[in-house]
Protein backbone atom coordinates (compact mmCIF):
# COMPACT_ATOMS: atom_id res chain seq x y z
CA MET A 1 29.05 89.13 168.02
CA ASP A 2 25.85 90.64 169.47
CA ARG A 3 24.09 93.98 169.55
CA SER A 4 26.42 95.32 172.21
CA ASP A 5 29.19 95.20 169.57
CA LEU A 6 27.35 97.39 167.06
CA PRO A 7 28.59 100.95 166.43
CA ARG A 8 26.94 103.73 168.37
CA VAL A 9 24.53 106.00 166.47
CA PHE A 10 25.25 109.76 166.47
CA GLU A 11 23.35 112.77 165.13
CA TYR A 12 25.22 115.48 163.21
CA PRO A 13 25.51 118.36 163.82
CA ALA A 14 23.82 117.82 167.22
CA ASP A 15 26.67 115.58 168.40
CA ARG A 16 29.37 117.67 166.75
CA ALA A 17 31.37 118.18 169.97
CA GLU A 18 31.65 114.46 170.73
CA LEU A 19 32.40 113.58 167.11
CA ASP A 20 35.05 116.31 167.02
CA SER A 21 36.69 114.82 170.10
CA ARG A 22 36.82 111.46 168.34
CA LEU A 23 38.20 113.01 165.18
CA LEU A 24 40.85 115.08 166.88
CA HIS A 25 41.92 112.41 169.37
CA VAL A 26 45.34 111.21 168.28
CA GLU A 27 47.02 108.43 170.17
CA ALA A 28 50.39 109.57 171.48
CA PRO A 29 53.29 107.32 170.50
CA ASP A 30 53.59 104.48 173.00
CA SER A 31 56.62 105.47 175.07
CA ALA A 32 57.41 101.86 175.98
CA VAL A 33 57.29 100.74 172.34
CA GLU A 34 59.43 103.70 171.28
CA ALA A 35 62.03 102.98 173.98
CA ASN A 36 62.20 99.33 172.91
CA VAL A 37 62.48 100.25 169.23
CA ARG A 38 65.28 102.73 169.98
CA GLU A 39 67.16 99.94 171.72
CA ILE A 40 66.64 97.59 168.77
CA LEU A 41 67.93 100.25 166.38
CA ARG A 42 70.98 100.85 168.56
CA ARG A 43 71.81 97.16 168.75
CA VAL A 44 71.46 96.59 165.01
CA ARG A 45 73.52 99.71 164.27
CA GLU A 46 76.31 98.57 166.60
CA ASP A 47 76.17 94.77 166.32
CA GLY A 48 74.86 94.30 162.80
CA PHE A 49 73.55 90.89 161.77
CA CYS A 50 74.23 89.33 165.17
CA ALA A 51 71.53 91.58 166.63
CA VAL A 52 69.16 90.81 163.75
CA ALA A 53 69.57 87.07 164.34
CA GLU A 54 69.08 87.50 168.09
CA TYR A 55 65.85 89.47 167.69
CA SER A 56 64.53 87.05 165.03
CA GLU A 57 64.97 84.19 167.48
CA ARG A 58 63.44 86.16 170.37
CA PHE A 59 60.42 87.54 168.54
CA ASP A 60 59.84 85.00 165.76
CA GLY A 61 61.39 81.80 167.09
CA ALA A 62 63.55 81.55 163.99
CA ARG A 63 67.29 80.84 163.98
CA LEU A 64 68.72 82.76 161.04
CA THR A 65 72.20 82.63 159.66
CA GLU A 66 73.92 85.01 157.25
CA ARG A 67 73.17 82.49 154.56
CA SER A 68 69.58 81.57 155.42
CA VAL A 69 68.29 85.10 155.96
CA ARG A 70 68.09 85.66 152.19
CA VAL A 71 65.34 83.77 150.39
CA PRO A 72 66.77 82.28 147.18
CA SER A 73 65.16 83.29 143.91
CA ALA A 74 64.41 79.62 143.24
CA ARG A 75 62.37 79.56 146.44
CA LEU A 76 60.32 82.53 145.23
CA LYS A 77 59.63 80.76 141.93
CA LYS A 78 58.67 77.57 143.76
CA ALA A 79 56.10 79.52 145.77
CA TRP A 80 54.69 80.97 142.54
CA ASP A 81 54.56 77.59 140.83
CA ALA A 82 52.66 76.13 143.78
CA LEU A 83 49.82 78.64 143.60
CA PRO A 84 46.45 77.49 142.23
CA ASP A 85 45.95 78.51 138.61
CA ALA A 86 42.96 80.68 139.52
CA LEU A 87 45.02 82.70 142.01
CA LYS A 88 47.87 83.07 139.50
CA SER A 89 45.40 84.47 136.96
CA ALA A 90 43.97 86.84 139.57
CA LEU A 91 47.39 88.15 140.57
CA ARG A 92 48.42 88.59 136.94
CA LEU A 93 45.24 90.60 136.29
CA ALA A 94 45.90 92.77 139.37
CA LYS A 95 49.49 93.32 138.28
CA SER A 96 48.52 94.39 134.75
CA ARG A 97 45.89 96.86 135.97
CA VAL A 98 48.09 98.36 138.69
CA GLU A 99 50.94 98.71 136.21
CA ALA A 100 48.73 100.38 133.58
CA PHE A 101 47.46 102.93 136.11
CA HIS A 102 50.91 103.78 137.43
CA ARG A 103 52.49 104.16 134.01
CA ARG A 104 50.23 107.19 133.57
CA GLN A 105 51.83 108.79 136.66
CA LYS A 106 55.36 108.75 135.32
CA ARG A 107 56.88 112.21 134.93
CA GLU A 108 59.63 113.25 132.52
CA GLY A 109 62.31 115.88 133.05
CA TRP A 110 62.50 119.04 131.01
CA SER A 111 64.95 121.76 129.95
CA PHE A 112 64.61 125.22 128.41
CA ALA A 113 66.84 128.12 127.42
CA ASP A 114 65.64 131.67 128.07
CA GLU A 115 66.47 134.98 126.38
CA ALA A 116 68.80 136.03 129.20
CA GLY A 117 71.20 133.16 128.42
CA PHE A 118 70.16 130.62 131.08
CA THR A 119 69.66 126.93 130.38
CA LEU A 120 67.47 125.53 133.18
CA THR A 121 66.84 121.83 133.62
CA GLN A 122 64.85 119.59 135.90
CA ARG A 123 65.81 115.92 135.90
CA ILE A 124 63.56 113.14 137.24
CA MET A 125 65.59 110.13 138.33
CA PRO A 126 64.65 106.88 140.08
CA LEU A 127 65.92 106.08 143.54
CA GLN A 128 68.73 103.57 143.53
CA SER A 129 67.32 101.16 146.09
CA VAL A 130 64.02 100.58 147.90
CA ALA A 131 62.89 97.99 150.46
CA ILE A 132 59.26 96.89 150.84
CA HIS A 133 58.00 95.43 154.11
CA ALA A 134 55.39 92.68 153.72
CA PRO A 135 53.73 91.92 157.08
CA GLY A 136 53.12 88.34 158.13
CA GLY A 137 50.73 88.90 161.04
CA LEU A 138 46.93 88.64 161.21
CA ALA A 139 46.55 88.87 157.45
CA PRO A 140 49.71 88.54 155.31
CA LEU A 141 49.31 90.94 152.40
CA PRO A 142 50.89 89.92 149.08
CA SER A 143 48.77 92.67 147.47
CA SER A 144 50.60 95.34 149.51
CA LEU A 145 53.93 94.05 148.27
CA MET A 146 52.64 94.37 144.71
CA MET A 147 51.24 97.85 145.30
CA ALA A 148 54.74 99.05 146.25
CA ALA A 149 56.85 96.96 143.89
CA ILE A 150 54.93 97.86 140.73
CA PRO A 151 55.24 101.67 140.93
CA ALA A 152 58.85 101.27 142.01
CA ARG A 153 59.51 99.19 138.89
CA VAL A 154 57.64 101.70 136.69
CA ALA A 155 59.75 104.49 138.22
CA GLY A 156 62.92 102.64 137.21
CA VAL A 157 64.30 101.67 140.60
CA LYS A 158 67.11 99.20 139.92
CA ARG A 159 67.28 97.45 143.30
CA ILE A 160 63.89 96.52 144.80
CA VAL A 161 64.14 94.49 148.00
CA GLY A 162 61.40 92.66 149.89
CA PHE A 163 61.47 91.71 153.55
CA THR A 164 59.01 89.79 155.66
CA PRO A 165 59.01 87.88 158.99
CA PRO A 166 60.70 84.44 158.97
CA LEU A 167 58.80 81.92 156.88
CA ARG A 168 58.54 78.94 159.25
CA GLY A 169 55.94 77.27 157.02
CA ARG A 170 53.41 80.09 157.31
CA LYS A 171 50.88 79.71 154.50
CA GLY A 172 50.41 83.46 154.03
CA ASN A 173 54.11 84.00 153.54
CA GLU A 174 54.03 81.66 150.56
CA ALA A 175 51.68 84.05 148.79
CA ILE A 176 54.07 86.93 149.61
CA LEU A 177 57.00 85.02 148.09
CA ALA A 178 54.90 84.24 145.01
CA ALA A 179 53.95 87.92 144.62
CA ALA A 180 57.62 88.87 144.87
CA HIS A 181 58.45 86.49 142.01
CA LEU A 182 55.59 87.88 139.91
CA CYS A 183 56.85 91.44 140.41
CA GLY A 184 60.44 90.59 139.54
CA ILE A 185 61.86 90.92 143.07
CA HIS A 186 64.94 88.74 143.34
CA GLU A 187 66.27 90.02 146.67
CA MET A 188 64.07 88.89 149.57
CA TYR A 189 64.96 88.67 153.27
CA GLN A 190 63.14 86.83 156.01
CA ALA A 191 63.68 89.46 158.70
CA GLY A 192 60.66 91.58 159.58
CA GLY A 193 59.76 93.84 162.45
CA ALA A 194 61.79 96.76 163.75
CA HIS A 195 65.03 94.78 163.47
CA GLY A 196 64.37 94.08 159.79
CA VAL A 197 63.76 97.79 159.18
CA ALA A 198 66.96 98.63 161.04
CA ALA A 199 68.96 96.07 159.05
CA LEU A 200 67.91 97.64 155.76
CA ALA A 201 68.44 101.18 157.00
CA TYR A 202 71.94 100.64 158.42
CA GLY A 203 73.07 97.56 156.53
CA ALA A 204 73.70 94.38 158.52
CA GLY A 205 76.14 91.75 157.29
CA PRO A 206 74.56 90.08 154.25
CA ILE A 207 71.78 92.69 154.14
CA PRO A 208 72.95 95.84 152.28
CA ARG A 209 71.32 99.14 153.19
CA VAL A 210 68.70 100.85 151.04
CA GLU A 211 67.68 104.46 150.45
CA LYS A 212 63.97 104.12 151.21
CA ILE A 213 61.69 101.76 153.14
CA VAL A 214 57.96 101.51 152.40
CA GLY A 215 55.07 99.28 153.35
CA PRO A 216 52.58 98.52 156.10
CA GLY A 217 53.36 96.82 159.38
CA SER A 218 52.92 96.77 163.12
CA VAL A 219 53.41 99.72 165.45
CA TRP A 220 56.99 98.44 165.92
CA VAL A 221 57.66 98.60 162.19
CA GLN A 222 56.06 102.05 161.84
CA THR A 223 57.92 103.39 164.88
CA ALA A 224 61.22 102.17 163.45
CA LYS A 225 60.44 103.86 160.12
CA ARG A 226 59.56 107.10 161.88
CA LEU A 227 62.73 107.11 163.98
CA LEU A 228 64.96 106.30 161.00
CA PHE A 229 63.50 108.95 158.71
CA GLY A 230 66.33 111.23 157.64
CA LEU A 231 68.85 108.39 157.45
CA ILE A 232 66.46 106.83 154.96
CA ASP A 233 63.30 108.04 153.30
CA ILE A 234 59.93 106.42 154.11
CA ASP A 235 56.53 106.42 152.48
CA MET A 236 54.48 107.37 155.54
CA VAL A 237 53.83 106.27 159.11
CA ALA A 238 50.89 104.01 158.43
CA GLY A 239 48.17 103.64 161.05
CA PRO A 240 45.10 101.41 161.36
CA THR A 241 42.80 100.94 158.38
CA GLU A 242 39.97 103.46 158.02
CA ALA A 243 36.76 103.47 155.99
CA LEU A 244 33.86 105.87 155.74
CA ILE A 245 30.67 105.01 153.86
CA VAL A 246 28.29 107.80 152.81
CA ALA A 247 24.82 106.45 151.99
CA ASP A 248 21.36 107.81 151.31
CA GLU A 249 17.95 106.14 151.02
CA THR A 250 18.82 104.80 147.54
CA ALA A 251 21.55 102.55 148.99
CA ASP A 252 20.99 98.90 149.81
CA PRO A 253 21.65 98.31 153.55
CA ARG A 254 23.19 94.95 152.64
CA VAL A 255 25.83 96.70 150.49
CA VAL A 256 26.54 99.38 153.08
CA ALA A 257 27.03 96.70 155.75
CA ALA A 258 29.23 94.60 153.46
CA ASP A 259 31.48 97.60 152.71
CA MET A 260 31.82 98.30 156.44
CA LEU A 261 32.66 94.69 157.27
CA CYS A 262 35.21 94.30 154.44
CA GLN A 263 37.38 96.92 156.17
CA ALA A 264 36.47 96.08 159.79
CA GLU A 265 37.91 92.59 159.35
CA HIS A 266 41.45 93.94 158.92
CA ALA A 267 42.23 94.36 162.62
CA PRO A 268 40.59 95.28 165.94
CA ASP A 269 41.88 98.84 165.69
CA THR A 270 40.26 99.46 162.27
CA SER A 271 37.97 102.50 162.20
CA VAL A 272 34.75 102.19 160.18
CA TRP A 273 32.16 104.96 160.01
CA ALA A 274 28.87 105.21 158.12
CA ILE A 275 27.24 108.58 157.41
CA LEU A 276 23.54 108.09 156.66
CA ILE A 277 21.78 110.89 154.77
CA GLY A 278 18.09 111.65 155.24
CA ARG A 279 15.71 108.70 155.48
CA PHE A 280 18.25 105.86 155.51
CA ALA A 281 17.35 103.89 158.65
CA ALA A 282 20.20 103.26 161.06
CA ALA A 283 18.32 100.27 162.49
CA ALA A 284 18.29 98.55 159.08
CA LEU A 285 22.05 98.94 158.82
CA GLN A 286 22.61 97.63 162.32
CA ASP A 287 20.47 94.57 161.56
CA GLU A 288 22.53 93.87 158.43
CA LEU A 289 25.84 94.32 160.22
CA LEU A 290 24.77 91.81 162.84
CA ARG A 291 23.40 89.31 160.31
CA GLN A 292 26.43 89.38 158.01
CA ALA A 293 28.97 89.34 160.84
CA GLN A 294 27.54 86.13 162.30
CA THR A 295 28.95 84.09 159.42
CA ALA A 296 32.20 86.03 158.91
CA PRO A 297 35.33 83.95 159.68
CA ARG A 298 36.92 87.00 161.33
CA ARG A 299 33.82 88.01 163.30
CA ASP A 300 35.70 88.41 166.59
CA ILE A 301 38.00 91.01 164.97
CA ILE A 302 34.98 92.66 163.31
CA ALA A 303 33.13 92.87 166.62
CA ARG A 304 36.01 94.64 168.35
CA SER A 305 36.55 96.98 165.43
CA LEU A 306 32.90 98.04 165.23
CA ARG A 307 32.41 98.30 169.00
CA ASP A 308 35.58 100.20 169.81
CA ASN A 309 36.17 102.29 166.67
CA GLY A 310 32.96 102.29 164.66
CA ALA A 311 30.28 104.97 164.31
CA ILE A 312 26.98 105.46 162.52
CA VAL A 313 26.22 109.14 161.99
CA ARG A 314 22.84 110.43 160.82
CA VAL A 315 22.76 113.71 158.90
CA ALA A 316 19.86 115.59 157.34
CA ARG A 317 21.69 117.17 154.39
CA ARG A 318 24.19 116.03 151.78
CA ALA A 319 26.32 119.08 152.63
CA ASP A 320 26.59 117.85 156.23
CA ALA A 321 27.83 114.48 154.97
CA VAL A 322 30.55 116.13 152.88
CA GLU A 323 31.55 118.43 155.75
CA LEU A 324 31.94 115.51 158.18
CA ALA A 325 33.75 113.37 155.59
CA ASN A 326 36.34 116.11 155.10
CA GLN A 327 36.81 116.46 158.84
CA ARG A 328 37.31 112.70 159.14
CA ALA A 329 39.78 112.73 156.18
CA PRO A 330 39.74 108.94 155.99
CA GLU A 331 41.82 106.43 154.09
CA HIS A 332 38.77 105.21 152.12
CA ILE A 333 35.42 106.83 151.30
CA SER A 334 32.63 104.89 149.60
CA ILE A 335 29.73 106.96 148.31
CA LEU A 336 26.51 104.95 147.92
CA ALA A 337 24.13 107.79 147.19
CA ARG A 338 22.28 109.58 144.44
CA ASN A 339 24.70 111.39 142.07
CA PRO A 340 27.89 110.25 143.84
CA GLU A 341 30.12 112.30 141.53
CA ALA A 342 28.54 115.52 142.82
CA LEU A 343 29.21 114.51 146.43
CA ALA A 344 32.78 113.53 145.57
CA ARG A 345 33.48 116.96 144.10
CA GLY A 346 33.10 118.41 147.57
CA VAL A 347 35.53 115.94 149.17
CA HIS A 348 39.02 117.38 149.44
CA SER A 349 40.57 115.09 152.08
CA ALA A 350 40.54 111.35 151.40
CA GLY A 351 42.97 108.67 150.32
CA ALA A 352 40.67 107.00 147.81
CA ILE A 353 37.02 107.51 146.85
CA PHE A 354 34.74 104.75 145.53
CA LEU A 355 31.66 105.89 143.63
CA GLY A 356 28.36 104.11 143.41
CA HIS A 357 26.68 100.77 144.00
CA TRP A 358 28.95 98.84 141.59
CA THR A 359 32.27 99.98 143.15
CA PRO A 360 33.23 98.00 146.26
CA GLU A 361 36.27 99.13 148.22
CA SER A 362 37.74 95.64 148.05
CA VAL A 363 38.19 96.00 144.27
CA GLY A 364 40.31 99.05 145.05
CA ASP A 365 42.39 96.86 147.35
CA TYR A 366 43.27 94.45 144.56
CA THR A 367 42.26 94.89 140.95
CA ALA A 368 41.05 98.43 140.17
CA GLY A 369 44.53 99.79 139.41
CA PRO A 370 45.09 102.75 141.77
CA ASN A 371 47.31 102.15 144.77
CA HIS A 372 45.87 100.84 148.00
CA VAL A 373 48.73 102.16 150.19
CA LEU A 374 46.87 105.24 151.43
CA PRO A 375 47.28 107.93 154.08
CA THR A 376 45.68 107.21 157.47
CA GLY A 377 45.18 109.04 160.75
CA ARG A 378 43.61 112.09 159.01
CA SER A 379 46.86 112.59 157.10
CA ALA A 380 44.86 112.52 153.87
CA ARG A 381 44.57 116.26 154.48
CA PHE A 382 48.18 116.58 153.29
CA PHE A 383 49.47 113.15 152.16
CA SER A 384 48.76 111.30 148.91
CA PRO A 385 48.47 107.62 147.98
CA LEU A 386 51.70 105.75 147.25
CA GLY A 387 52.71 106.16 143.62
CA VAL A 388 55.50 106.52 141.12
CA ASP A 389 56.52 109.91 142.53
CA ASP A 390 57.46 108.17 145.80
CA PHE A 391 60.21 106.31 143.99
CA VAL A 392 61.84 109.15 142.09
CA ARG A 393 63.68 112.31 142.99
CA ALA A 394 64.24 115.54 141.10
CA ASP A 395 67.28 117.77 140.79
CA HIS A 396 67.84 121.09 139.04
CA MET A 397 70.69 122.14 136.76
CA VAL A 398 71.65 125.69 135.86
CA ALA A 399 74.01 126.70 133.02
CA MET A 400 74.70 130.38 132.25
CA THR A 401 76.41 132.41 129.59
CA GLU A 402 78.48 135.49 130.39
CA ALA A 403 75.56 137.60 129.19
CA ALA A 404 73.25 135.84 131.64
CA LEU A 405 75.54 136.57 134.58
CA ARG A 406 75.89 140.19 133.58
CA ALA A 407 72.08 140.42 133.35
CA VAL A 408 71.36 139.07 136.85
CA GLY A 409 74.70 139.66 138.58
CA PRO A 410 73.90 143.09 140.06
CA ALA A 411 70.63 141.82 141.57
CA THR A 412 72.41 138.79 143.00
CA ILE A 413 75.08 140.99 144.58
CA ALA A 414 72.42 143.27 146.06
CA ILE A 415 70.51 140.41 147.69
CA GLY A 416 73.69 138.76 149.02
CA GLU A 417 74.87 142.01 150.62
CA ALA A 418 71.41 142.69 152.09
CA GLU A 419 71.56 139.28 153.78
CA GLY A 420 75.07 139.97 155.12
CA LEU A 421 76.62 137.24 152.97
CA HIS A 422 79.60 139.04 151.47
CA ALA A 423 81.15 135.94 149.90
CA HIS A 424 77.94 135.25 148.00
CA ALA A 425 78.25 138.66 146.37
CA GLU A 426 81.99 138.18 145.74
CA ALA A 427 81.39 134.90 143.91
CA VAL A 428 79.56 136.99 141.31
CA ARG A 429 81.93 139.98 141.32
CA VAL A 430 85.04 137.88 140.76
CA ARG A 431 83.47 136.41 137.64
CA LEU A 432 82.32 139.75 136.31
CA LEU A 433 85.87 141.09 136.73
CA SER A 434 87.43 138.02 135.07
CA LYS A 435 87.08 136.37 131.68
CA GLY A 436 85.21 133.07 131.78
CA GLY A 437 87.02 131.74 134.86
CA ARG A 438 90.57 132.09 133.45
CA GLY A 439 91.83 133.71 136.64
CA ARG A 440 92.12 137.31 135.32
């Protein structure tokens, strides 16, 4: 990595037009990828597990059978037992903190009776089955499996399924299997990618279908989720990782650079921005980025991320920093500035916000407690982090006395007739002319 890989420096609001074009530029779905994914979905829908096995061999070089596609529970436990004690302790700590946070999200149903004679109820019930995709690519993510499995378990989902690309001795997959054991997942399939998503959406031989599929993954996985939405529910269509650091002259350039690099190392398409308020020197940040990246094991990925998708933006006022942060609506915001809470109060569009010098984003990825599955692609304007609510559904129940129907019946008839729905009105009239449904 050299200086040509460093992010470009912008001035705001002077460069507003160019920054706006970057913010508003949304990559159109790749038509070739979408066409290929549609074909994969069709084949799995029509040919079931035979298609899953064929694609696993073509894309992953793995020959799967109806028996070998499921990872035995004993294999999950073996992976857990093989972990170093220090990593076991770390994962247990992460699990306990994530679980404690998500227990506070759990909602209860309610019911009340009003004076008119209605009894109105809202029930909150867990989904019956959920599948969690755990990628096995550049950086296998056991933490992402935990971030989905734990709130699903808190919500009360009875059947929680994991799926990941074929194992084939990949070291990272061992950690995924161990995390599945820790979270009480006993149903795990080694079939990832779009064909794995299709298998769990349609059902394919030994792989029963589920009601919802969540988790990160490649553009193929996310395209499959998007195309299958409606047949199944999904969490979101996840895009590349995003981070935005807001810093003023009180911030240490070493810390700002470290927070940028910890997200830039995810993948070449990661987007990392820094907004520098007032006298914070952009040159000092660039020097630190270059110095720290030289020794980073994933420096080639970092270089591409910073060069192609990074930005350093200088602003004069704190209000400008907040305005630009809201326009960016990123997955992560880290505020390394004087009185970070005051700045955060102005932020209305972000997945997660990290306040102050002692709060690195990487702690949020693992051990803070809140979920790290966050909205991307500026969807933080209207989407929320993954949580317990993603694994429950609500329904409403209505029970009425005769007095209640007589109280609201005329209004119901009037609205039905105004909408031209005569049978709606008659469903009320026939009851008012009868006695409790006895047919008179």
